N, C-alpha and C. Protein backbone atom coordinates (compact mmCIF):
# COMPACT_ATOMS: atom_id res chain seq x y z
N MET A 1 89.37 116.71 73.11
CA MET A 1 90.80 116.59 73.37
C MET A 1 91.02 115.51 74.42
N ASP A 2 91.92 114.60 74.16
CA ASP A 2 92.23 113.53 75.10
C ASP A 2 93.11 114.05 76.21
N ASP A 3 92.79 113.69 77.44
CA ASP A 3 93.60 114.07 78.59
C ASP A 3 94.48 112.88 78.95
N ARG A 4 95.77 113.03 78.73
CA ARG A 4 96.71 111.92 78.94
C ARG A 4 97.41 111.97 80.29
N ARG A 5 96.96 112.84 81.16
CA ARG A 5 97.61 112.98 82.45
C ARG A 5 97.27 111.81 83.36
N ASP A 6 98.24 111.45 84.19
CA ASP A 6 98.02 110.40 85.18
C ASP A 6 97.18 110.90 86.35
N LYS A 7 97.34 112.15 86.72
CA LYS A 7 96.65 112.75 87.86
C LYS A 7 95.91 114.00 87.40
N ALA A 8 94.79 114.30 88.03
CA ALA A 8 94.06 115.52 87.72
C ALA A 8 94.86 116.73 88.19
N ARG A 9 94.85 117.77 87.38
CA ARG A 9 95.53 119.00 87.76
C ARG A 9 94.52 119.99 88.30
N HIS A 10 94.99 120.82 89.21
CA HIS A 10 94.15 121.83 89.82
C HIS A 10 94.59 123.20 89.34
N ARG A 11 93.63 124.02 88.95
CA ARG A 11 93.96 125.37 88.48
C ARG A 11 94.51 126.20 89.63
N VAL A 12 95.62 126.86 89.36
CA VAL A 12 96.25 127.73 90.35
C VAL A 12 96.76 128.97 89.63
N LEU A 13 97.22 129.91 90.38
CA LEU A 13 97.86 131.10 89.83
C LEU A 13 98.97 131.46 90.81
N LYS A 14 100.15 130.85 90.56
CA LYS A 14 101.28 131.02 91.47
C LYS A 14 102.49 131.53 90.70
N ALA A 15 103.25 132.37 91.36
CA ALA A 15 104.51 132.85 90.78
C ALA A 15 105.56 131.76 90.88
N GLY A 16 106.32 131.60 89.80
CA GLY A 16 107.39 130.61 89.80
C GLY A 16 108.62 131.15 89.09
N THR A 17 109.72 130.43 89.25
CA THR A 17 110.95 130.76 88.56
C THR A 17 111.53 129.49 87.96
N ILE A 18 111.83 129.53 86.67
CA ILE A 18 112.49 128.43 85.98
C ILE A 18 113.98 128.67 86.12
N GLU A 19 114.67 127.74 86.78
CA GLU A 19 116.11 127.90 87.05
C GLU A 19 116.90 126.86 86.27
N PHE A 20 117.96 127.29 85.61
CA PHE A 20 118.81 126.37 84.85
C PHE A 20 120.16 127.01 84.60
N GLY A 21 121.21 126.23 84.69
CA GLY A 21 122.56 126.64 84.33
C GLY A 21 122.95 128.05 84.71
N GLY A 22 122.58 128.48 85.90
CA GLY A 22 122.93 129.82 86.33
C GLY A 22 121.97 130.89 85.87
N GLY A 23 120.98 130.53 85.03
CA GLY A 23 119.99 131.50 84.57
C GLY A 23 118.65 131.28 85.23
N ALA A 24 117.76 132.24 85.08
CA ALA A 24 116.42 132.13 85.67
C ALA A 24 115.43 132.91 84.82
N ILE A 25 114.22 132.36 84.68
CA ILE A 25 113.14 133.00 83.94
C ILE A 25 111.89 132.95 84.80
N ASP A 26 111.23 134.09 84.97
CA ASP A 26 109.98 134.11 85.73
C ASP A 26 108.87 133.45 84.93
N CYS A 27 107.95 132.81 85.65
CA CYS A 27 106.81 132.17 85.00
C CYS A 27 105.62 132.22 85.95
N THR A 28 104.46 131.84 85.42
CA THR A 28 103.25 131.72 86.23
C THR A 28 102.77 130.29 86.13
N VAL A 29 102.58 129.63 87.27
CA VAL A 29 102.07 128.26 87.30
C VAL A 29 100.56 128.36 87.15
N ARG A 30 100.01 127.75 86.07
CA ARG A 30 98.58 127.85 85.77
C ARG A 30 97.79 126.66 86.28
N ASN A 31 98.38 125.47 86.24
CA ASN A 31 97.74 124.32 86.86
C ASN A 31 98.82 123.41 87.39
N LEU A 32 98.44 122.59 88.37
CA LEU A 32 99.44 121.85 89.14
C LEU A 32 98.85 120.55 89.64
N SER A 33 99.66 119.48 89.60
CA SER A 33 99.29 118.21 90.20
C SER A 33 100.53 117.66 90.90
N ASP A 34 100.41 116.47 91.45
CA ASP A 34 101.57 115.83 92.07
C ASP A 34 102.62 115.45 91.04
N THR A 35 102.22 115.31 89.77
CA THR A 35 103.14 114.80 88.75
C THR A 35 103.56 115.82 87.70
N GLY A 36 102.92 117.01 87.64
CA GLY A 36 103.30 117.96 86.62
C GLY A 36 102.56 119.28 86.74
N ALA A 37 102.81 120.16 85.74
CA ALA A 37 102.23 121.50 85.77
C ALA A 37 102.22 122.10 84.38
N ALA A 38 101.43 123.15 84.22
CA ALA A 38 101.48 123.99 83.02
C ALA A 38 101.98 125.36 83.46
N LEU A 39 102.93 125.90 82.72
CA LEU A 39 103.57 127.15 83.08
C LEU A 39 103.39 128.18 81.97
N ASP A 40 102.96 129.37 82.31
CA ASP A 40 102.91 130.48 81.36
C ASP A 40 104.26 131.18 81.38
N VAL A 41 104.81 131.42 80.20
CA VAL A 41 106.11 132.09 80.05
C VAL A 41 105.99 133.18 78.99
N THR A 42 106.89 134.15 79.03
CA THR A 42 106.90 135.19 78.01
C THR A 42 107.18 134.58 76.65
N SER A 43 108.15 133.65 76.62
CA SER A 43 108.50 132.92 75.41
C SER A 43 109.17 131.60 75.83
N PRO A 44 108.81 130.49 75.19
CA PRO A 44 109.47 129.23 75.53
C PRO A 44 110.87 129.10 74.92
N VAL A 45 111.27 130.04 74.07
CA VAL A 45 112.57 129.99 73.42
C VAL A 45 113.67 130.12 74.48
N GLY A 46 114.64 129.22 74.43
CA GLY A 46 115.77 129.26 75.35
C GLY A 46 115.56 128.49 76.64
N ILE A 47 114.34 127.98 76.86
CA ILE A 47 114.10 127.18 78.05
C ILE A 47 114.51 125.74 77.74
N PRO A 48 115.44 125.18 78.51
CA PRO A 48 115.93 123.82 78.22
C PRO A 48 114.88 122.76 78.52
N ASP A 49 115.12 121.54 78.07
CA ASP A 49 114.18 120.42 78.29
C ASP A 49 114.13 119.98 79.74
N HIS A 50 115.18 120.26 80.51
CA HIS A 50 115.22 119.90 81.93
C HIS A 50 115.63 121.14 82.74
N PHE A 51 114.90 121.41 83.81
CA PHE A 51 115.20 122.56 84.66
C PHE A 51 114.59 122.36 86.03
N THR A 52 114.87 123.29 86.94
CA THR A 52 114.28 123.28 88.28
C THR A 52 113.25 124.40 88.35
N LEU A 53 112.06 124.08 88.85
CA LEU A 53 111.01 125.06 89.05
C LEU A 53 110.97 125.44 90.52
N LEU A 54 111.09 126.73 90.79
CA LEU A 54 110.97 127.25 92.15
C LEU A 54 109.58 127.85 92.30
N LEU A 55 108.79 127.31 93.25
CA LEU A 55 107.49 127.90 93.58
C LEU A 55 107.75 128.96 94.65
N GLN A 56 107.59 130.22 94.30
CA GLN A 56 108.00 131.32 95.16
C GLN A 56 107.21 131.41 96.45
N ALA A 57 105.95 130.98 96.45
CA ALA A 57 105.10 131.11 97.64
C ALA A 57 105.65 130.33 98.83
N ASP A 58 106.18 129.13 98.56
CA ASP A 58 106.65 128.30 99.68
C ASP A 58 108.10 127.85 99.55
N GLY A 59 108.80 128.30 98.51
CA GLY A 59 110.21 127.96 98.34
C GLY A 59 110.47 126.54 97.86
N THR A 60 109.44 125.84 97.38
CA THR A 60 109.59 124.47 96.89
C THR A 60 110.37 124.46 95.58
N HIS A 61 111.33 123.53 95.46
CA HIS A 61 112.08 123.31 94.23
C HIS A 61 111.64 121.97 93.64
N LEU A 62 111.28 121.96 92.35
CA LEU A 62 110.83 120.75 91.68
C LEU A 62 111.65 120.53 90.41
N SER A 63 112.17 119.33 90.23
CA SER A 63 112.89 118.97 89.02
C SER A 63 111.87 118.72 87.91
N CYS A 64 112.04 119.37 86.75
CA CYS A 64 111.05 119.30 85.67
C CYS A 64 111.65 118.83 84.35
N THR A 65 110.83 118.13 83.57
CA THR A 65 111.13 117.77 82.20
C THR A 65 109.99 118.30 81.34
N VAL A 66 110.33 119.02 80.27
CA VAL A 66 109.31 119.58 79.38
C VAL A 66 108.67 118.46 78.58
N VAL A 67 107.33 118.43 78.57
CA VAL A 67 106.57 117.43 77.82
C VAL A 67 106.00 118.03 76.54
N TRP A 68 105.57 119.30 76.60
CA TRP A 68 105.07 119.99 75.42
C TRP A 68 105.32 121.49 75.54
N ARG A 69 105.31 122.14 74.38
CA ARG A 69 105.51 123.59 74.30
C ARG A 69 104.47 124.17 73.36
N LYS A 70 103.86 125.28 73.76
CA LYS A 70 102.96 126.04 72.91
C LYS A 70 103.47 127.47 72.88
N GLU A 71 102.69 128.36 72.30
CA GLU A 71 103.17 129.72 72.08
C GLU A 71 103.74 130.37 73.33
N LYS A 72 102.98 130.42 74.41
CA LYS A 72 103.46 131.05 75.64
C LYS A 72 103.20 130.16 76.86
N ARG A 73 103.13 128.86 76.64
CA ARG A 73 102.87 127.93 77.74
C ARG A 73 103.67 126.66 77.50
N ILE A 74 104.21 126.10 78.59
CA ILE A 74 104.88 124.80 78.49
C ILE A 74 104.28 123.86 79.53
N GLY A 75 104.25 122.59 79.18
CA GLY A 75 103.79 121.55 80.10
C GLY A 75 104.99 120.76 80.58
N VAL A 76 105.03 120.50 81.87
CA VAL A 76 106.17 119.77 82.45
C VAL A 76 105.69 118.62 83.30
N LYS A 77 106.55 117.61 83.43
CA LYS A 77 106.34 116.56 84.40
C LYS A 77 107.45 116.65 85.43
N PHE A 78 107.14 116.25 86.65
CA PHE A 78 108.11 116.33 87.73
C PHE A 78 108.89 115.03 87.82
N GLY A 79 110.14 115.18 88.30
CA GLY A 79 110.96 114.00 88.53
C GLY A 79 112.14 113.91 87.62
């Protein structure tokens, strides 16, 4: 499998919240870099292409764009 990422991602296990248009969905951050992340979700259905990710551990808010979607995981880039 080709790795097309600009930066290496580090495996993590952090609680997160996908926030959009007044709604919120809990997620788990599975890997993380300066430029993006992979998020585990119950279902990717209904998650918009652009949203804010809240990292609950430190209160960081990151603007995200969805790059790919799989059964219960989505890949995002920041910015």
